[in-house]
Amino acid sequence: NEQQRYDRIWACRHVYDNNIYDIFRLMSEVKRNIQEMISSNDILLFMKGDPYQPRCGFSATVIDILKSYKIEFGFVDVLEDSEVRTTLPEVSDWPTFPQLFVKGELIGGCDILTEMHEQGDLKAVLIG
């Protein structure tokens, strides 16, 4: 009957709307958490793997560069947190990893950091 069909469609639509709302709420929460991580760390690297075992060549290169300055920095393994991995590019407006933030500002990825390091500009950003 037509009424039952309508009721089923409405019920499906209601579940769909609630799921979409939950997804947006979750994304909003993840964005807040990412922004909190960035603001609470002077130097923070979002990378694949960790400083002891980078899981991509670009992350390994950035780790080598940062270690050369003998500085402390935080890191987030984006391979261990799919929500951060998928949401960070939207927050930072930068599509790839690694991503280095210094005092809340995105400095860049591997290519930019390598260039800044080779030109001697990175030290001033990291150490001041």
PDB file of N, CA and C in Angstrom:
ATOM      1  N   ASN A   1       0.838  -1.172   0.000  1.00  0.00           N
ATOM      2  CA  ASN A   1       0.000   0.000   0.000  1.00  0.00           C
ATOM      3  C   ASN A   1       0.889   1.243   0.000  1.00  0.00           C
ATOM      4  N   GLU A   2       0.341   2.287  -0.528  1.00  0.00           N
ATOM      5  CA  GLU A   2       1.088   3.543  -0.734  1.00  0.00           C
ATOM      6  C   GLU A   2       1.559   4.168   0.583  1.00  0.00           C
ATOM      7  N   GLN A   3       0.749   4.141   1.608  1.00  0.00           N
ATOM      8  CA  GLN A   3       1.128   4.727   2.900  1.00  0.00           C
ATOM      9  C   GLN A   3       2.320   3.979   3.510  1.00  0.00           C
ATOM     10  N   GLN A   4       2.295   2.650   3.450  1.00  0.00           N
ATOM     11  CA  GLN A   4       3.406   1.865   3.996  1.00  0.00           C
ATOM     12  C   GLN A   4       4.702   2.164   3.233  1.00  0.00           C
ATOM     13  N   ARG A   5       4.599   2.276   1.927  1.00  0.00           N
ATOM     14  CA  ARG A   5       5.761   2.601   1.098  1.00  0.00           C
ATOM     15  C   ARG A   5       6.316   3.962   1.510  1.00  0.00           C
ATOM     16  N   TYR A   6       5.444   4.929   1.677  1.00  0.00           N
ATOM     17  CA  TYR A   6       5.852   6.265   2.086  1.00  0.00           C
ATOM     18  C   TYR A   6       6.520   6.218   3.465  1.00  0.00           C
ATOM     19  N   ASP A   7       5.941   5.460   4.398  1.00  0.00           N
ATOM     20  CA  ASP A   7       6.501   5.352   5.746  1.00  0.00           C
ATOM     21  C   ASP A   7       7.903   4.741   5.712  1.00  0.00           C
ATOM     22  N   ARG A   8       8.107   3.725   4.869  1.00  0.00           N
ATOM     23  CA  ARG A   8       9.427   3.107   4.759  1.00  0.00           C
ATOM     24  C   ARG A   8      10.433   4.102   4.173  1.00  0.00           C
ATOM     25  N   ILE A   9      10.040   4.838   3.168  1.00  0.00           N
ATOM     26  CA  ILE A   9      10.925   5.841   2.563  1.00  0.00           C
ATOM     27  C   ILE A   9      11.276   6.910   3.592  1.00  0.00           C
ATOM     28  N   TRP A  10      10.280   7.372   4.330  1.00  0.00           N
ATOM     29  CA  TRP A  10      10.527   8.396   5.345  1.00  0.00           C
ATOM     30  C   TRP A  10      11.478   7.865   6.415  1.00  0.00           C
ATOM     31  N   ALA A  11      11.289   6.611   6.850  1.00  0.00           N
ATOM     32  CA  ALA A  11      12.149   6.014   7.886  1.00  0.00           C
ATOM     33  C   ALA A  11      13.579   5.908   7.382  1.00  0.00           C
ATOM     34  N   CYS A  12      13.748   5.492   6.137  1.00  0.00           N
ATOM     35  CA  CYS A  12      15.095   5.410   5.554  1.00  0.00           C
ATOM     36  C   CYS A  12      15.719   6.791   5.460  1.00  0.00           C
ATOM     37  N   ARG A  13      14.938   7.753   5.037  1.00  0.00           N
ATOM     38  CA  ARG A  13      15.446   9.122   4.912  1.00  0.00           C
ATOM     39  C   ARG A  13      15.837   9.668   6.282  1.00  0.00           C
ATOM     40  N   HIS A  14      15.034   9.376   7.287  1.00  0.00           N
ATOM     41  CA  HIS A  14      15.317   9.842   8.642  1.00  0.00           C
ATOM     42  C   HIS A  14      16.644   9.243   9.146  1.00  0.00           C
ATOM     43  N   VAL A  15      16.863   7.957   8.933  1.00  0.00           N
ATOM     44  CA  VAL A  15      18.115   7.303   9.328  1.00  0.00           C
ATOM     45  C   VAL A  15      19.276   7.920   8.564  1.00  0.00           C
ATOM     46  N   TYR A  16      19.097   8.135   7.263  1.00  0.00           N
ATOM     47  CA  TYR A  16      20.134   8.741   6.434  1.00  0.00           C
ATOM     48  C   TYR A  16      20.493  10.133   6.956  1.00  0.00           C
ATOM     49  N   ASP A  17      19.492  10.961   7.232  1.00  0.00           N
ATOM     50  CA  ASP A  17      19.736  12.315   7.733  1.00  0.00           C
ATOM     51  C   ASP A  17      20.481  12.285   9.062  1.00  0.00           C
ATOM     52  N   ASN A  18      20.083  11.380   9.959  1.00  0.00           N
ATOM     53  CA  ASN A  18      20.766  11.266  11.247  1.00  0.00           C
ATOM     54  C   ASN A  18      22.209  10.815  11.068  1.00  0.00           C
ATOM     55  N   ASN A  19      22.458   9.874  10.138  1.00  0.00           N
ATOM     56  CA  ASN A  19      23.815   9.409   9.885  1.00  0.00           C
ATOM     57  C   ASN A  19      24.674  10.534   9.317  1.00  0.00           C
ATOM     58  N   ILE A  20      24.127  11.320   8.404  1.00  0.00           N
ATOM     59  CA  ILE A  20      24.862  12.448   7.837  1.00  0.00           C
ATOM     60  C   ILE A  20      25.181  13.453   8.941  1.00  0.00           C
ATOM     61  N   TYR A  21      24.211  13.716   9.797  1.00  0.00           N
ATOM     62  CA  TYR A  21      24.442  14.640  10.915  1.00  0.00           C
ATOM     63  C   TYR A  21      25.570  14.112  11.800  1.00  0.00           C
ATOM     64  N   ASP A  22      25.554  12.798  12.104  1.00  0.00           N
ATOM     65  CA  ASP A  22      26.594  12.195  12.936  1.00  0.00           C
ATOM     66  C   ASP A  22      27.959  12.298  12.259  1.00  0.00           C
ATOM     67  N   ILE A  23      28.013  12.095  10.964  1.00  0.00           N
ATOM     68  CA  ILE A  23      29.275  12.194  10.230  1.00  0.00           C
ATOM     69  C   ILE A  23      29.815  13.614  10.306  1.00  0.00           C
ATOM     70  N   PHE A  24      28.963  14.616  10.077  1.00  0.00           N
ATOM     71  CA  PHE A  24      29.413  16.009  10.151  1.00  0.00           C
ATOM     72  C   PHE A  24      29.840  16.372  11.574  1.00  0.00           C
ATOM     73  N   ARG A  25      29.118  15.873  12.557  1.00  0.00           N
ATOM     74  CA  ARG A  25      29.476  16.138  13.957  1.00  0.00           C
ATOM     75  C   ARG A  25      30.839  15.518  14.274  1.00  0.00           C
ATOM     76  N   LEU A  26      31.070  14.301  13.804  1.00  0.00           N
ATOM     77  CA  LEU A  26      32.337  13.620  14.013  1.00  0.00           C
ATOM     78  C   LEU A  26      33.476  14.368  13.323  1.00  0.00           C
ATOM     79  N   MET A  27      33.238  14.783  12.078  1.00  0.00           N
ATOM     80  CA  MET A  27      34.267  15.531  11.345  1.00  0.00           C
ATOM     81  C   MET A  27      34.608  16.817  12.070  1.00  0.00           C
ATOM     82  N   SER A  28      33.607  17.477  12.578  1.00  0.00           N
ATOM     83  CA  SER A  28      33.805  18.716  13.312  1.00  0.00           C
ATOM     84  C   SER A  28      34.645  18.463  14.562  1.00  0.00           C
ATOM     85  N   GLU A  29      34.357  17.379  15.237  1.00  0.00           N
ATOM     86  CA  GLU A  29      35.105  16.999  16.441  1.00  0.00           C
ATOM     87  C   GLU A  29      36.557  16.665  16.089  1.00  0.00           C
ATOM     88  N   VAL A  30      36.769  15.940  15.001  1.00  0.00           N
ATOM     89  CA  VAL A  30      38.121  15.587  14.557  1.00  0.00           C
ATOM     90  C   VAL A  30      38.897  16.850  14.200  1.00  0.00           C
ATOM     91  N   LYS A  31      38.247  17.774  13.495  1.00  0.00           N
ATOM     92  CA  LYS A  31      38.902  19.040  13.154  1.00  0.00           C
ATOM     93  C   LYS A  31      39.319  19.793  14.414  1.00  0.00           C
ATOM     94  N   ARG A  32      38.437  19.831  15.386  1.00  0.00           N
ATOM     95  CA  ARG A  32      38.754  20.496  16.659  1.00  0.00           C
ATOM     96  C   ARG A  32      39.948  19.835  17.337  1.00  0.00           C
ATOM     97  N   ASN A  33      39.967  18.511  17.336  1.00  0.00           N
ATOM     98  CA  ASN A  33      41.079  17.777  17.941  1.00  0.00           C
ATOM     99  C   ASN A  33      42.391  18.054  17.214  1.00  0.00           C
ATOM    100  N   ILE A  34      42.343  18.105  15.899  1.00  0.00           N
ATOM    101  CA  ILE A  34      43.538  18.399  15.104  1.00  0.00           C
ATOM    102  C   ILE A  34      44.029  19.809  15.429  1.00  0.00           C
ATOM    103  N   GLN A  35      43.126  20.763  15.432  1.00  0.00           N
ATOM    104  CA  GLN A  35      43.516  22.137  15.726  1.00  0.00           C
ATOM    105  C   GLN A  35      44.088  22.257  17.136  1.00  0.00           C
ATOM    106  N   GLU A  36      43.535  21.490  18.066  1.00  0.00           N
ATOM    107  CA  GLU A  36      44.052  21.470  19.436  1.00  0.00           C
ATOM    108  C   GLU A  36      45.465  20.897  19.477  1.00  0.00           C
ATOM    109  N   MET A  37      45.702  19.809  18.744  1.00  0.00           N
ATOM    110  CA  MET A  37      47.038  19.213  18.677  1.00  0.00           C
ATOM    111  C   MET A  37      48.039  20.219  18.126  1.00  0.00           C
ATOM    112  N   ILE A  38      47.642  20.903  17.043  1.00  0.00           N
ATOM    113  CA  ILE A  38      48.533  21.873  16.395  1.00  0.00           C
ATOM    114  C   ILE A  38      48.842  23.029  17.339  1.00  0.00           C
ATOM    115  N   SER A  39      47.827  23.537  18.005  1.00  0.00           N
ATOM    116  CA  SER A  39      48.044  24.713  18.860  1.00  0.00           C
ATOM    117  C   SER A  39      48.769  24.385  20.161  1.00  0.00           C
ATOM    118  N   SER A  40      48.716  23.129  20.598  1.00  0.00           N
ATOM    119  CA  SER A  40      49.342  22.789  21.873  1.00  0.00           C
ATOM    120  C   SER A  40      50.773  22.255  21.719  1.00  0.00           C
ATOM    121  N   ASN A  41      51.290  22.221  20.508  1.00  0.00           N
ATOM    122  CA  ASN A  41      52.663  21.773  20.258  1.00  0.00           C
ATOM    123  C   ASN A  41      53.405  22.848  19.476  1.00  0.00           C
ATOM    124  N   ASP A  42      54.558  23.271  19.985  1.00  0.00           N
ATOM    125  CA  ASP A  42      55.343  24.272  19.243  1.00  0.00           C
ATOM    126  C   ASP A  42      55.744  23.758  17.876  1.00  0.00           C
ATOM    127  N   ILE A  43      56.175  22.505  17.827  1.00  0.00           N
ATOM    128  CA  ILE A  43      56.563  21.875  16.557  1.00  0.00           C
ATOM    129  C   ILE A  43      55.867  20.523  16.495  1.00  0.00           C
ATOM    130  N   LEU A  44      55.076  20.330  15.460  1.00  0.00           N
ATOM    131  CA  LEU A  44      54.295  19.097  15.321  1.00  0.00           C
ATOM    132  C   LEU A  44      54.377  18.597  13.887  1.00  0.00           C
ATOM    133  N   LEU A  45      54.731  17.329  13.755  1.00  0.00           N
ATOM    134  CA  LEU A  45      54.843  16.699  12.451  1.00  0.00           C
ATOM    135  C   LEU A  45      53.776  15.624  12.312  1.00  0.00           C
ATOM    136  N   PHE A  46      52.939  15.765  11.295  1.00  0.00           N
ATOM    137  CA  PHE A  46      52.003  14.714  10.915  1.00  0.00           C
ATOM    138  C   PHE A  46      52.726  13.902   9.853  1.00  0.00           C
ATOM    139  N   MET A  47      52.935  12.638  10.138  1.00  0.00           N
ATOM    140  CA  MET A  47      53.788  11.829   9.271  1.00  0.00           C
ATOM    141  C   MET A  47      53.244  10.416   9.137  1.00  0.00           C
ATOM    142  N   LYS A  48      53.851   9.658   8.251  1.00  0.00           N
ATOM    143  CA  LYS A  48      53.532   8.236   8.110  1.00  0.00           C
ATOM    144  C   LYS A  48      54.590   7.462   8.885  1.00  0.00           C
ATOM    145  N   GLY A  49      54.154   6.797   9.943  1.00  0.00           N
ATOM    146  CA  GLY A  49      55.070   6.086  10.814  1.00  0.00           C
ATOM    147  C   GLY A  49      55.413   6.948  12.018  1.00  0.00           C
ATOM    148  N   ASP A  50      56.571   6.673  12.600  1.00  0.00           N
ATOM    149  CA  ASP A  50      57.032   7.475  13.729  1.00  0.00           C
ATOM    150  C   ASP A  50      58.504   7.814  13.515  1.00  0.00           C
ATOM    151  N   PRO A  51      59.066   8.681  14.344  1.00  0.00           N
ATOM    152  CA  PRO A  51      60.460   9.100  14.121  1.00  0.00           C
ATOM    153  C   PRO A  51      61.468   7.951  14.147  1.00  0.00           C
ATOM    154  N   TYR A  52      61.132   6.859  14.816  1.00  0.00           N
ATOM    155  CA  TYR A  52      62.037   5.721  14.911  1.00  0.00           C
ATOM    156  C   TYR A  52      61.861   4.758  13.744  1.00  0.00           C
ATOM    157  N   GLN A  53      60.683   4.767  13.159  1.00  0.00           N
ATOM    158  CA  GLN A  53      60.384   3.910  12.021  1.00  0.00           C
ATOM    159  C   GLN A  53      59.451   4.623  11.049  1.00  0.00           C
ATOM    160  N   PRO A  54      59.979   5.598  10.302  1.00  0.00           N
ATOM    161  CA  PRO A  54      59.134   6.250   9.291  1.00  0.00           C
ATOM    162  C   PRO A  54      58.676   5.208   8.272  1.00  0.00           C
ATOM    163  N   ARG A  55      57.452   5.369   7.791  1.00  0.00           N
ATOM    164  CA  ARG A  55      56.900   4.376   6.866  1.00  0.00           C
ATOM    165  C   ARG A  55      56.725   4.927   5.463  1.00  0.00           C
ATOM    166  N   CYS A  56      57.433   6.019   5.175  1.00  0.00           N
ATOM    167  CA  CYS A  56      57.528   6.487   3.789  1.00  0.00           C
ATOM    168  C   CYS A  56      58.807   7.317   3.675  1.00  0.00           C
ATOM    169  N   GLY A  57      59.336   7.388   2.480  1.00  0.00           N
ATOM    170  CA  GLY A  57      60.592   8.096   2.257  1.00  0.00           C
ATOM    171  C   GLY A  57      60.511   9.577   2.565  1.00  0.00           C
ATOM    172  N   PHE A  58      59.381  10.200   2.257  1.00  0.00           N
ATOM    173  CA  PHE A  58      59.217  11.635   2.520  1.00  0.00           C
ATOM    174  C   PHE A  58      59.249  11.916   4.023  1.00  0.00           C
ATOM    175  N   SER A  59      58.550  11.082   4.793  1.00  0.00           N
ATOM    176  CA  SER A  59      58.565  11.236   6.249  1.00  0.00           C
ATOM    177  C   SER A  59      59.972  11.005   6.796  1.00  0.00           C
ATOM    178  N   ALA A  60      60.685  10.013   6.277  1.00  0.00           N
ATOM    179  CA  ALA A  60      62.046   9.733   6.711  1.00  0.00           C
ATOM    180  C   ALA A  60      62.968  10.923   6.444  1.00  0.00           C
ATOM    181  N   THR A  61      62.813  11.554   5.286  1.00  0.00           N
ATOM    182  CA  THR A  61      63.621  12.719   4.943  1.00  0.00           C
ATOM    183  C   THR A  61      63.380  13.855   5.918  1.00  0.00           C
ATOM    184  N   VAL A  62      62.100  14.130   6.215  1.00  0.00           N
ATOM    185  CA  VAL A  62      61.770  15.218   7.143  1.00  0.00           C
ATOM    186  C   VAL A  62      62.301  14.902   8.543  1.00  0.00           C
ATOM    187  N   ILE A  63      62.202  13.661   8.974  1.00  0.00           N
ATOM    188  CA  ILE A  63      62.731  13.271  10.283  1.00  0.00           C
ATOM    189  C   ILE A  63      64.239  13.515  10.332  1.00  0.00           C
ATOM    190  N   ASP A  64      64.946  13.131   9.285  1.00  0.00           N
ATOM    191  CA  ASP A  64      66.396  13.363   9.242  1.00  0.00           C
ATOM    192  C   ASP A  64      66.715  14.850   9.342  1.00  0.00           C
ATOM    193  N   ILE A  65      65.947  15.667   8.654  1.00  0.00           N
ATOM    194  CA  ILE A  65      66.155  17.119   8.704  1.00  0.00           C
ATOM    195  C   ILE A  65      65.916  17.639  10.122  1.00  0.00           C
ATOM    196  N   LEU A  66      64.794  17.257  10.726  1.00  0.00           N
ATOM    197  CA  LEU A  66      64.479  17.740  12.074  1.00  0.00           C
ATOM    198  C   LEU A  66      65.515  17.263  13.091  1.00  0.00           C
ATOM    199  N   LYS A  67      65.950  16.025  12.979  1.00  0.00           N
ATOM    200  CA  LYS A  67      66.959  15.498  13.904  1.00  0.00           C
ATOM    201  C   LYS A  67      68.272  16.264  13.788  1.00  0.00           C
ATOM    202  N   SER A  68      68.572  16.763  12.607  1.00  0.00           N
ATOM    203  CA  SER A  68      69.830  17.495  12.420  1.00  0.00           C
ATOM    204  C   SER A  68      69.866  18.781  13.245  1.00  0.00           C
ATOM    205  N   TYR A  69      68.695  19.299  13.630  1.00  0.00           N
ATOM    206  CA  TYR A  69      68.630  20.516  14.437  1.00  0.00           C
ATOM    207  C   TYR A  69      68.600  20.217  15.945  1.00  0.00           C
ATOM    208  N   LYS A  70      68.548  18.928  16.286  1.00  0.00           N
ATOM    209  CA  LYS A  70      68.534  18.510  17.702  1.00  0.00           C
ATOM    210  C   LYS A  70      67.455  19.249  18.510  1.00  0.00           C
ATOM    211  N   ILE A  71      66.262  19.242  17.968  1.00  0.00           N
ATOM    212  CA  ILE A  71      65.125  19.908  18.613  1.00  0.00           C
ATOM    213  C   ILE A  71      64.103  18.862  19.043  1.00  0.00           C
ATOM    214  N   GLU A  72      63.267  19.249  19.986  1.00  0.00           N
ATOM    215  CA  GLU A  72      62.150  18.396  20.368  1.00  0.00           C
ATOM    216  C   GLU A  72      60.952  18.741  19.497  1.00  0.00           C
ATOM    217  N   PHE A  73      60.210  17.724  19.128  1.00  0.00           N
ATOM    218  CA  PHE A  73      58.996  17.941  18.334  1.00  0.00           C
ATOM    219  C   PHE A  73      58.015  16.821  18.601  1.00  0.00           C
ATOM    220  N   GLY A  74      56.758  17.132  18.443  1.00  0.00           N
ATOM    221  CA  GLY A  74      55.714  16.133  18.554  1.00  0.00           C
ATOM    222  C   GLY A  74      55.436  15.525  17.192  1.00  0.00           C
ATOM    223  N   PHE A  75      54.819  14.386  17.191  1.00  0.00           N
ATOM    224  CA  PHE A  75      54.446  13.769  15.913  1.00  0.00           C
ATOM    225  C   PHE A  75      53.121  13.039  16.059  1.00  0.00           C
ATOM    226  N   VAL A  76      52.455  12.874  14.928  1.00  0.00           N
ATOM    227  CA  VAL A  76      51.225  12.079  14.853  1.00  0.00           C
ATOM    228  C   VAL A  76      51.395  11.138  13.670  1.00  0.00           C
ATOM    229  N   ASP A  77      51.233   9.846  13.923  1.00  0.00           N
ATOM    230  CA  ASP A  77      51.294   8.841  12.864  1.00  0.00           C
ATOM    231  C   ASP A  77      49.930   8.778  12.193  1.00  0.00           C
ATOM    232  N   VAL A  78      49.826   9.342  11.004  1.00  0.00           N
ATOM    233  CA  VAL A  78      48.527   9.394  10.320  1.00  0.00           C
ATOM    234  C   VAL A  78      48.081   8.020   9.820  1.00  0.00           C
ATOM    235  N   LEU A  79      48.998   7.072   9.750  1.00  0.00           N
ATOM    236  CA  LEU A  79      48.602   5.720   9.347  1.00  0.00           C
ATOM    237  C   LEU A  79      47.860   5.003  10.470  1.00  0.00           C
ATOM    238  N   GLU A  80      48.065   5.466  11.703  1.00  0.00           N
ATOM    239  CA  GLU A  80      47.395   4.874  12.855  1.00  0.00           C
ATOM    240  C   GLU A  80      46.049   5.529  13.151  1.00  0.00           C
ATOM    241  N   ASP A  81      45.775   6.657  12.513  1.00  0.00           N
ATOM    242  CA  ASP A  81      44.531   7.385  12.787  1.00  0.00           C
ATOM    243  C   ASP A  81      43.908   7.835  11.472  1.00  0.00           C
ATOM    244  N   SER A  82      43.018   7.018  10.953  1.00  0.00           N
ATOM    245  CA  SER A  82      42.428   7.299   9.636  1.00  0.00           C
ATOM    246  C   SER A  82      41.613   8.592   9.635  1.00  0.00           C
ATOM    247  N   GLU A  83      41.006   8.932  10.779  1.00  0.00           N
ATOM    248  CA  GLU A  83      40.217  10.171  10.829  1.00  0.00           C
ATOM    249  C   GLU A  83      41.119  11.390  10.669  1.00  0.00           C
ATOM    250  N   VAL A  84      42.268  11.384  11.332  1.00  0.00           N
ATOM    251  CA  VAL A  84      43.216  12.491  11.176  1.00  0.00           C
ATOM    252  C   VAL A  84      43.752  12.499   9.751  1.00  0.00           C
ATOM    253  N   ARG A  85      44.095  11.334   9.221  1.00  0.00           N
ATOM    254  CA  ARG A  85      44.647  11.243   7.863  1.00  0.00           C
ATOM    255  C   ARG A  85      43.693  11.819   6.819  1.00  0.00           C
ATOM    256  N   THR A  86      42.404  11.560   6.980  1.00  0.00           N
ATOM    257  CA  THR A  86      41.452  12.045   5.980  1.00  0.00           C
ATOM    258  C   THR A  86      41.004  13.482   6.230  1.00  0.00           C
ATOM    259  N   THR A  87      41.083  13.964   7.466  1.00  0.00           N
ATOM    260  CA  THR A  87      40.572  15.293   7.810  1.00  0.00           C
ATOM    261  C   THR A  87      41.648  16.375   7.781  1.00  0.00           C
ATOM    262  N   LEU A  88      42.882  16.044   8.128  1.00  0.00           N
ATOM    263  CA  LEU A  88      43.940  17.059   8.177  1.00  0.00           C
ATOM    264  C   LEU A  88      44.107  17.826   6.868  1.00  0.00           C
ATOM    265  N   PRO A  89      44.107  17.176   5.698  1.00  0.00           N
ATOM    266  CA  PRO A  89      44.257  17.956   4.465  1.00  0.00           C
ATOM    267  C   PRO A  89      43.196  19.053   4.296  1.00  0.00           C
ATOM    268  N   GLU A  90      42.020  18.810   4.839  1.00  0.00           N
ATOM    269  CA  GLU A  90      40.963  19.822   4.791  1.00  0.00           C
ATOM    270  C   GLU A  90      41.274  20.976   5.758  1.00  0.00           C
ATOM    271  N   VAL A  91      41.820  20.647   6.917  1.00  0.00           N
ATOM    272  CA  VAL A  91      42.165  21.654   7.917  1.00  0.00           C
ATOM    273  C   VAL A  91      43.338  22.501   7.441  1.00  0.00           C
ATOM    274  N   SER A  92      44.354  21.848   6.896  1.00  0.00           N
ATOM    275  CA  SER A  92      45.597  22.542   6.525  1.00  0.00           C
ATOM    276  C   SER A  92      45.588  23.068   5.100  1.00  0.00           C
ATOM    277  N   ASP A  93      44.662  22.601   4.297  1.00  0.00           N
ATOM    278  CA  ASP A  93      44.627  22.923   2.871  1.00  0.00           C
ATOM    279  C   ASP A  93      45.912  22.451   2.176  1.00  0.00           C
ATOM    280  N   TRP A  94      46.421  21.309   2.645  1.00  0.00           N
ATOM    281  CA  TRP A  94      47.635  20.696   2.094  1.00  0.00           C
ATOM    282  C   TRP A  94      47.335  19.220   1.911  1.00  0.00           C
ATOM    283  N   PRO A  95      47.444  18.682   0.687  1.00  0.00           N
ATOM    284  CA  PRO A  95      46.911  17.345   0.412  1.00  0.00           C
ATOM    285  C   PRO A  95      47.791  16.157   0.803  1.00  0.00           C
ATOM    286  N   THR A  96      49.088  16.380   1.045  1.00  0.00           N
ATOM    287  CA  THR A  96      49.987  15.246   1.218  1.00  0.00           C
ATOM    288  C   THR A  96      50.641  15.223   2.602  1.00  0.00           C
ATOM    289  N   PHE A  97      51.310  14.116   2.883  1.00  0.00           N
ATOM    290  CA  PHE A  97      52.053  13.955   4.130  1.00  0.00           C
ATOM    291  C   PHE A  97      53.506  13.678   3.785  1.00  0.00           C
ATOM    292  N   PRO A  98      54.395  14.116   4.659  1.00  0.00           N
ATOM    293  CA  PRO A  98      54.234  14.715   5.973  1.00  0.00           C
ATOM    294  C   PRO A  98      53.824  16.189   5.898  1.00  0.00           C
ATOM    295  N   GLN A  99      53.362  16.700   7.045  1.00  0.00           N
ATOM    296  CA  GLN A  99      53.025  18.127   7.200  1.00  0.00           C
ATOM    297  C   GLN A  99      53.636  18.606   8.509  1.00  0.00           C
ATOM    298  N   LEU A 100      54.434  19.671   8.423  1.00  0.00           N
ATOM    299  CA  LEU A 100      55.075  20.212   9.614  1.00  0.00           C
ATOM    300  C   LEU A 100      54.426  21.532  10.003  1.00  0.00           C
ATOM    301  N   PHE A 101      54.036  21.620  11.280  1.00  0.00           N
ATOM    302  CA  PHE A 101      53.468  22.845  11.834  1.00  0.00           C
ATOM    303  C   PHE A 101      54.432  23.385  12.882  1.00  0.00           C
ATOM    304  N   VAL A 102      54.687  24.687  12.835  1.00  0.00           N
ATOM    305  CA  VAL A 102      55.516  25.350  13.833  1.00  0.00           C
ATOM    306  C   VAL A 102      54.716  26.514  14.387  1.00  0.00           C
ATOM    307  N   LYS A 103      54.525  26.503  15.697  1.00  0.00           N
ATOM    308  CA  LYS A 103      53.749  27.529  16.402  1.00  0.00           C
ATOM    309  C   LYS A 103      52.388  27.769  15.734  1.00  0.00           C
ATOM    310  N   GLY A 104      51.732  26.660  15.375  1.00  0.00           N
ATOM    311  CA  GLY A 104      50.390  26.720  14.826  1.00  0.00           C
ATOM    312  C   GLY A 104      50.293  27.001  13.343  1.00  0.00           C
ATOM    313  N   GLU A 105      51.430  27.184  12.679  1.00  0.00           N
ATOM    314  CA  GLU A 105      51.418  27.531  11.252  1.00  0.00           C
ATOM    315  C   GLU A 105      51.984  26.383  10.424  1.00  0.00           C
ATOM    316  N   LEU A 106      51.300  26.054   9.330  1.00  0.00           N
ATOM    317  CA  LEU A 106      51.809  25.029   8.427  1.00  0.00           C
ATOM    318  C   LEU A 106      53.044  25.575   7.718  1.00  0.00           C
ATOM    319  N   ILE A 107      54.150  24.848   7.848  1.00  0.00           N
ATOM    320  CA  ILE A 107      55.371  25.228   7.148  1.00  0.00           C
ATOM    321  C   ILE A 107      55.409  24.553   5.788  1.00  0.00           C
ATOM    322  N   GLY A 108      55.032  23.283   5.736  1.00  0.00           N
ATOM    323  CA  GLY A 108      54.976  22.589   4.456  1.00  0.00           C
ATOM    324  C   GLY A 108      55.261  21.121   4.588  1.00  0.00           C
ATOM    325  N   GLY A 109      55.497  20.522   3.435  1.00  0.00           N
ATOM    326  CA  GLY A 109      55.806  19.108   3.352  1.00  0.00           C
ATOM    327  C   GLY A 109      57.277  18.900   3.059  1.00  0.00           C
ATOM    328  N   CYS A 110      57.596  17.721   2.591  1.00  0.00           N
ATOM    329  CA  CYS A 110      58.982  17.314   2.398  1.00  0.00           C
ATOM    330  C   CYS A 110      59.743  18.238   1.441  1.00  0.00           C
ATOM    331  N   ASP A 111      59.176  18.543   0.292  1.00  0.00           N
ATOM    332  CA  ASP A 111      59.887  19.368  -0.700  1.00  0.00           C
ATOM    333  C   ASP A 111      60.208  20.758  -0.153  1.00  0.00           C
ATOM    334  N   ILE A 112      59.239  21.383   0.470  1.00  0.00           N
ATOM    335  CA  ILE A 112      59.437  22.734   1.005  1.00  0.00           C
ATOM    336  C   ILE A 112      60.451  22.708   2.141  1.00  0.00           C
ATOM    337  N   LEU A 113      60.325  21.730   3.042  1.00  0.00           N
ATOM    338  CA  LEU A 113      61.254  21.640   4.166  1.00  0.00           C
ATOM    339  C   LEU A 113      62.671  21.347   3.696  1.00  0.00           C
ATOM    340  N   THR A 114      62.818  20.478   2.709  1.00  0.00           N
ATOM    341  CA  THR A 114      64.144  20.170   2.158  1.00  0.00           C
ATOM    342  C   THR A 114      64.760  21.426   1.555  1.00  0.00           C
ATOM    343  N   GLU A 115      63.976  22.160   0.792  1.00  0.00           N
ATOM    344  CA  GLU A 115      64.469  23.401   0.175  1.00  0.00           C
ATOM    345  C   GLU A 115      64.847  24.429   1.239  1.00  0.00           C
ATOM    346  N   MET A 116      63.997  24.614   2.231  1.00  0.00           N
ATOM    347  CA  MET A 116      64.290  25.568   3.305  1.00  0.00           C
ATOM    348  C   MET A 116      65.549  25.157   4.071  1.00  0.00           C
ATOM    349  N   HIS A 117      65.704  23.870   4.310  1.00  0.00           N
ATOM    350  CA  HIS A 117      66.875  23.351   5.015  1.00  0.00           C
ATOM    351  C   HIS A 117      68.145  23.615   4.198  1.00  0.00           C
ATOM    352  N   GLU A 118      68.096  23.292   2.925  1.00  0.00           N
ATOM    353  CA  GLU A 118      69.264  23.470   2.055  1.00  0.00           C
ATOM    354  C   GLU A 118      69.640  24.942   1.905  1.00  0.00           C
ATOM    355  N   GLN A 119      68.656  25.833   1.952  1.00  0.00           N
ATOM    356  CA  GLN A 119      68.924  27.269   1.815  1.00  0.00           C
ATOM    357  C   GLN A 119      69.243  27.937   3.156  1.00  0.00           C
ATOM    358  N   GLY A 120      69.126  27.188   4.238  1.00  0.00           N
ATOM    359  CA  GLY A 120      69.431  27.731   5.556  1.00  0.00           C
ATOM    360  C   GLY A 120      68.301  28.520   6.198  1.00  0.00           C
ATOM    361  N   ASP A 121      67.109  28.456   5.617  1.00  0.00           N
ATOM    362  CA  ASP A 121      65.971  29.214   6.143  1.00  0.00           C
ATOM    363  C   ASP A 121      65.201  28.478   7.247  1.00  0.00           C
ATOM    364  N   LEU A 122      65.315  27.165   7.303  1.00  0.00           N
ATOM    365  CA  LEU A 122      64.515  26.399   8.230  1.00  0.00           C
ATOM    366  C   LEU A 122      64.950  26.598   9.678  1.00  0.00           C
ATOM    367  N   LYS A 123      66.233  26.776   9.896  1.00  0.00           N
ATOM    368  CA  LYS A 123      66.738  26.937  11.262  1.00  0.00           C
ATOM    369  C   LYS A 123      66.049  28.105  11.975  1.00  0.00           C
ATOM    370  N   ALA A 124      65.896  29.223  11.284  1.00  0.00           N
ATOM    371  CA  ALA A 124      65.252  30.394  11.877  1.00  0.00           C
ATOM    372  C   ALA A 124      63.796  30.112  12.240  1.00  0.00           C
ATOM    373  N   VAL A 125      63.142  29.317  11.418  1.00  0.00           N
ATOM    374  CA  VAL A 125      61.726  28.971  11.683  1.00  0.00           C
ATOM    375  C   VAL A 125      61.621  28.039  12.891  1.00  0.00           C
ATOM    376  N   LEU A 126      62.519  27.072  12.979  1.00  0.00           N
ATOM    377  CA  LEU A 126      62.452  26.072  14.038  1.00  0.00           C
ATOM    378  C   LEU A 126      62.995  26.562  15.366  1.00  0.00           C
ATOM    379  N   ILE A 127      64.078  27.298  15.302  1.00  0.00           N
ATOM    380  CA  ILE A 127      64.776  27.687  16.530  1.00  0.00           C
ATOM    381  C   ILE A 127      64.537  29.158  16.881  1.00  0.00           C
ATOM    382  N   GLY A 128      64.294  29.945  15.884  1.00  0.00           N
ATOM    383  CA  GLY A 128      63.996  31.362  16.119  1.00  0.00           C
ATOM    384  C   GLY A 128      65.170  32.286  16.002  1.00  0.00           C
TER     385      GLY A 128
END
